Protein backbone atom coordinates (compact mmCIF):
# COMPACT_ATOMS: atom_id res chain seq x y z
CA MET A 1 -27.76 -14.75 33.50
CA SER A 2 -28.39 -12.12 36.16
CA MET A 3 -31.85 -10.76 36.85
CA ILE A 4 -32.40 -7.14 35.94
CA PHE A 5 -34.58 -5.23 38.34
CA GLY A 6 -35.60 -1.55 38.70
CA ILE A 7 -36.66 -0.75 35.00
CA GLN A 8 -40.05 0.22 35.75
CA GLY A 9 -40.85 3.67 34.32
CA GLN A 10 -37.37 3.91 32.56
CA LEU A 11 -37.08 5.00 28.93
CA LEU A 12 -35.90 2.58 26.03
CA GLU A 13 -35.06 4.16 22.63
CA VAL A 14 -35.84 1.83 19.67
CA THR A 15 -34.81 2.91 16.03
CA VAL A 16 -36.28 0.92 13.20
CA VAL A 17 -33.47 0.97 10.55
CA SER A 18 -34.63 -1.26 7.76
CA CYS A 19 -35.81 -4.61 6.72
CA ASN A 20 -33.87 -7.12 4.70
CA LYS A 21 -35.04 -9.96 2.29
CA LEU A 22 -38.77 -9.53 2.99
CA LYS A 23 -41.42 -11.92 1.63
CA ASP A 24 -42.84 -10.43 -1.51
CA THR A 25 -46.60 -10.25 -1.49
CA GLU A 26 -47.19 -8.44 -4.77
CA TRP A 27 -47.29 -10.06 -8.10
CA ILE A 28 -47.01 -7.07 -10.43
CA SER A 29 -45.83 -3.87 -8.78
CA ARG A 30 -43.32 -3.54 -5.87
CA GLN A 31 -44.77 -3.83 -2.45
CA ASP A 32 -44.90 -0.81 0.14
CA PRO A 33 -43.84 -2.12 3.62
CA TYR A 34 -44.24 -0.64 6.96
CA VAL A 35 -43.46 -1.81 10.55
CA CYS A 36 -45.50 -1.87 13.72
CA LEU A 37 -44.05 -2.09 17.24
CA GLU A 38 -46.02 -3.20 20.36
CA TYR A 39 -44.88 -3.05 23.88
CA GLY A 40 -47.49 -3.46 26.52
CA SER A 41 -50.16 -0.81 25.71
CA SER A 42 -47.64 1.22 23.63
CA LYS A 43 -48.09 0.86 19.84
CA PHE A 44 -46.02 2.59 17.19
CA ARG A 45 -46.06 2.51 13.28
CA THR A 46 -43.40 3.63 10.79
CA ARG A 47 -44.25 5.44 7.79
CA THR A 48 -44.81 3.44 4.61
CA CYS A 49 -41.88 2.88 2.41
CA THR A 50 -43.41 3.29 -1.18
CA ASP A 51 -42.00 0.77 -3.66
CA GLY A 52 -39.62 -0.44 -0.87
CA GLY A 53 -39.90 -3.91 -2.14
CA LYS A 54 -37.88 -6.44 -0.34
CA ASN A 55 -35.43 -4.12 1.42
CA PRO A 56 -37.14 -1.10 2.65
CA THR A 57 -35.35 1.58 4.68
CA PHE A 58 -37.03 3.64 7.46
CA GLN A 59 -34.59 5.15 10.08
CA GLU A 60 -37.32 6.13 12.65
CA LYS A 61 -36.82 6.33 16.31
CA PHE A 62 -39.47 5.53 19.09
CA VAL A 63 -39.30 5.81 22.81
CA PHE A 64 -40.94 3.21 25.03
CA THR A 65 -41.68 3.32 28.69
CA LEU A 66 -40.42 0.04 30.30
CA ILE A 67 -42.54 -2.20 32.29
CA GLU A 68 -41.08 -4.34 35.14
CA GLY A 69 -41.25 -8.00 34.15
CA LEU A 70 -41.94 -7.41 30.31
CA ARG A 71 -38.72 -8.15 28.41
CA GLU A 72 -39.89 -8.32 24.76
CA ILE A 73 -41.36 -6.32 22.05
CA ASN A 74 -43.67 -7.55 19.32
CA VAL A 75 -42.85 -6.51 15.72
CA VAL A 76 -45.10 -7.02 12.66
CA VAL A 77 -44.26 -6.07 9.10
CA TRP A 78 -47.17 -5.28 6.70
CA ASN A 79 -47.66 -4.33 2.96
CA SER A 80 -49.73 -1.35 2.39
CA ASN A 81 -52.53 -1.60 -0.12
CA THR A 82 -54.73 1.22 -1.50
CA LEU A 83 -58.08 -0.57 -2.49
CA THR A 84 -57.85 -3.66 -0.27
CA TYR A 85 -56.70 -4.78 3.16
CA ASP A 86 -53.03 -4.49 3.84
CA ASP A 87 -51.00 -7.69 3.43
CA PHE A 88 -49.43 -9.55 6.36
CA ILE A 89 -45.69 -10.22 5.68
CA GLY A 90 -44.30 -11.55 8.86
CA SER A 91 -44.06 -11.02 12.81
CA GLY A 92 -41.55 -11.76 15.38
CA LYS A 93 -40.39 -10.99 18.97
CA ILE A 94 -37.53 -8.69 20.10
CA GLN A 95 -35.73 -9.77 23.09
CA LEU A 96 -34.63 -7.02 25.61
CA GLN A 97 -32.22 -8.77 27.81
CA LYS A 98 -29.08 -7.67 26.14
CA VAL A 99 -29.90 -4.00 25.83
CA LEU A 100 -30.98 -3.72 29.32
CA SER A 101 -27.74 -5.21 30.74
CA MET A 102 -25.33 -3.68 28.19
CA GLY A 103 -27.08 -0.44 27.25
CA TYR A 104 -27.00 -1.06 23.51
CA ASP A 105 -28.02 -3.54 20.91
CA ASP A 106 -27.81 -3.53 17.12
CA THR A 107 -29.47 -6.83 15.86
CA ALA A 108 -31.33 -7.90 12.78
CA TRP A 109 -34.34 -9.95 14.07
CA PRO A 110 -35.93 -12.61 11.87
CA ILE A 111 -39.79 -12.66 11.39
CA GLN A 112 -42.00 -15.53 10.19
CA THR A 113 -45.26 -15.96 8.33
CA LYS A 114 -48.38 -17.38 9.94
CA THR A 115 -47.36 -20.93 8.95
CA GLY A 116 -43.85 -20.40 10.53
CA ARG A 117 -41.76 -19.83 7.31
CA HIS A 118 -38.98 -17.46 7.22
CA ALA A 119 -40.29 -14.01 6.04
CA GLY A 120 -37.18 -11.68 6.28
CA GLU A 121 -35.44 -9.61 8.94
CA VAL A 122 -35.98 -6.42 10.70
CA ARG A 123 -32.96 -4.47 11.90
CA LEU A 124 -33.38 -2.52 15.18
CA ILE A 125 -31.01 -0.27 17.10
CA MET A 126 -31.81 0.07 20.86
CA HIS A 127 -30.43 2.32 23.57
CA TYR A 128 -30.98 2.12 27.39
CA ALA A 129 -29.14 4.68 29.42
CA ASN A 130 -29.69 3.14 32.78
CA ALA A 131 -27.93 0.04 32.14
CA HIS A 132 -25.98 -1.34 35.15
CA LYS A 133 -22.61 -1.98 33.37
CA PRO A 134 -19.98 -3.90 35.56
CA ALA A 135 -17.34 -1.66 36.94
CA THR A 136 -14.00 -2.16 35.32
CA SER A 137 -11.12 -2.54 37.90
CA TYR A 138 -7.52 -2.39 37.08
CA ALA A 139 -4.97 -4.14 39.29
CA PRO A 140 -1.74 -2.02 40.12
CA SER A 141 1.20 -2.96 37.91
CA ALA A 142 3.46 -3.24 41.06
CA PRO A 143 2.95 -3.69 44.67
CA PRO A 144 2.93 -0.53 46.77
CA TYR A 145 5.86 0.21 49.05
CA ALA A 146 5.83 1.93 52.38
CA ALA A 147 9.00 3.74 51.73
CA GLN A 148 11.18 4.15 48.84
CA GLN A 149 14.21 1.91 49.16
CA PRO A 150 17.51 3.17 48.02
CA HIS A 151 18.82 1.61 44.86
CA THR A 152 21.84 -0.57 45.47
CA PRO A 153 23.83 -1.22 42.30
CA MET A 154 24.77 -5.02 41.74
CA TYR A 155 28.54 -4.02 41.52
CA SER A 156 30.21 -1.37 43.64
CA ALA A 157 33.11 -1.20 40.98
CA PRO A 158 33.42 -2.64 37.68
CA PRO A 159 34.87 -6.20 37.61
CA PRO A 160 38.61 -6.58 36.85
CA HIS A 161 39.58 -7.35 33.41
CA VAL A 162 40.43 -10.95 32.72
CA ALA A 163 42.52 -11.25 29.55
CA SER A 164 41.56 -14.25 27.60
CA TYR A 165 44.99 -14.52 25.85
CA PRO A 166 48.48 -13.97 27.31
CA PRO A 167 50.01 -10.69 26.64
CA ALA A 168 52.11 -10.31 23.64
CA ALA A 169 55.59 -10.30 25.46
CA ALA A 170 54.93 -13.85 26.54
CA TYR A 171 55.41 -15.16 22.89
CA GLN A 172 58.87 -15.35 21.40
CA THR A 173 59.75 -15.50 17.74
CA PRO A 174 60.57 -19.05 16.89
CA TYR A 175 62.98 -17.92 13.93
CA PRO A 176 65.83 -15.41 14.26
CA ALA A 177 65.37 -12.17 12.51
CA TYR A 178 66.94 -11.66 9.19
CA PRO A 179 70.12 -9.84 9.34
CA PRO A 180 70.71 -6.52 7.33
CA HIS A 181 71.47 -6.88 3.59
CA SER A 182 74.99 -5.90 3.78
CA ALA A 183 75.76 -8.19 6.68
CA ALA A 184 74.01 -11.43 5.47
CA TYR A 185 75.52 -11.54 1.90
CA PRO A 186 79.29 -10.98 0.79
CA PRO A 187 80.06 -8.05 -1.64
CA THR A 188 79.71 -8.75 -5.31
CA PRO A 189 83.02 -9.30 -7.07
CA TYR A 190 81.72 -7.69 -10.28
CA PRO A 191 81.93 -3.99 -10.65
CA PRO A 192 78.77 -2.02 -11.06
CA PRO A 193 77.64 -1.33 -14.61
CA GLN A 194 78.88 2.15 -16.00
CA PRO A 195 76.39 4.18 -17.94
CA THR A 196 77.18 4.21 -21.70
CA ALA A 197 77.64 7.56 -23.32
CA TYR A 198 76.34 8.06 -26.86
CA PRO A 199 77.51 10.88 -29.07
CA PRO A 200 74.74 13.38 -29.87
CA PRO A 201 73.32 13.08 -33.47
CA GLN A 202 74.83 15.21 -36.20
CA SER A 203 72.51 17.18 -38.35
CA SER A 204 74.89 17.25 -41.30
CA ALA A 205 76.11 13.65 -41.26
CA TYR A 206 74.03 12.72 -44.27
CA PRO A 207 73.70 14.69 -47.60
CA PRO A 208 70.14 15.67 -48.84
CA ALA A 209 68.43 12.99 -50.84
CA TYR A 210 67.12 15.41 -53.58
CA PRO A 211 68.67 18.55 -54.95
CA PRO A 212 66.59 21.78 -54.72
CA PRO A 213 64.40 22.72 -57.69
CA SER A 214 66.77 25.53 -58.78
CA ALA A 215 69.51 22.91 -59.69
CA TYR A 216 67.56 21.80 -62.77
CA PRO A 217 67.57 23.94 -66.06
CA PRO A 218 64.23 24.94 -67.56
CA VAL A 219 62.88 22.84 -70.37
CA SER A 220 61.36 24.58 -73.41
CA TYR A 221 59.26 22.98 -76.21
CA PRO A 222 58.99 24.21 -79.86
CA PRO A 223 55.70 25.19 -81.02
CA PRO A 224 53.80 22.79 -83.31
CA SER A 225 54.64 23.11 -87.00
CA HIS A 226 51.77 21.12 -88.50
CA ASP A 227 48.22 22.61 -89.22
CA TYR A 228 45.64 19.99 -88.26
CA SER A 229 42.64 22.01 -89.91
CA TYR A 230 40.72 20.36 -92.97
CA PRO A 231 41.15 21.74 -96.32
CA PRO A 232 38.01 23.33 -98.05
CA GLY A 233 35.71 21.07 -100.00
CA PRO A 234 35.36 21.50 -103.78
CA TYR A 235 31.96 23.18 -103.49
CA PRO A 236 32.17 25.47 -100.48
CA GLY A 237 28.68 26.28 -99.30
CA THR A 238 26.78 24.26 -102.06
CA TYR A 239 26.10 20.80 -103.15
CA PRO A 240 27.21 19.45 -106.57
CA PRO A 241 24.65 19.41 -109.26
CA ARG A 242 22.90 16.44 -110.02
CA PRO A 243 23.94 14.24 -113.07
CA TYR A 244 20.74 14.52 -114.92
């Protein structure tokens, strides 16, 4: 790793974004975490995230004046209490080599308890504007030429056409062509068929199957001579008297 010099008095921006999976120091209610940063004699403290619990969010930016030879920031996370002393959650060290060389660092840094147990993470985003980034050089895609050379085509004229098959005239028909129909076969001794003429149909060749209705005489029937009504009874309109 190359040594970084000339940072004395330069400014470093540090943004405390959030904490993740913090150790919970409360038994009943949710804890109220806050973060403290210390670099040399500079000390900063974030606001208290009330009821932040294990995953508080801060989004607070601080500016540090860099010191030559000092390459780390101390971070401590506390739980704010009202009636008693604040509870210690965890602490850790933030390394500055990456941000001083690249100019940017976005990392979640682990913190530990006093006994060395994992106590969560603190996410910081750091910016350093005076980082010495390596210059990016691009090689030319083609070597330079002193003078533009004229373009010479590969062929001054199109190549002659070489036929892959002999011309059609080289082939001869293996069989003679068939002669015309009249010369190949003798004439037929049978005369050509003559069309048969049929007489036109006669409309009066057959008599009508039934005579017209006027050919039959009218039929008359005599009126009925019998009276089919019932004779009147012996007692019209009354019943016969009883025998007693």
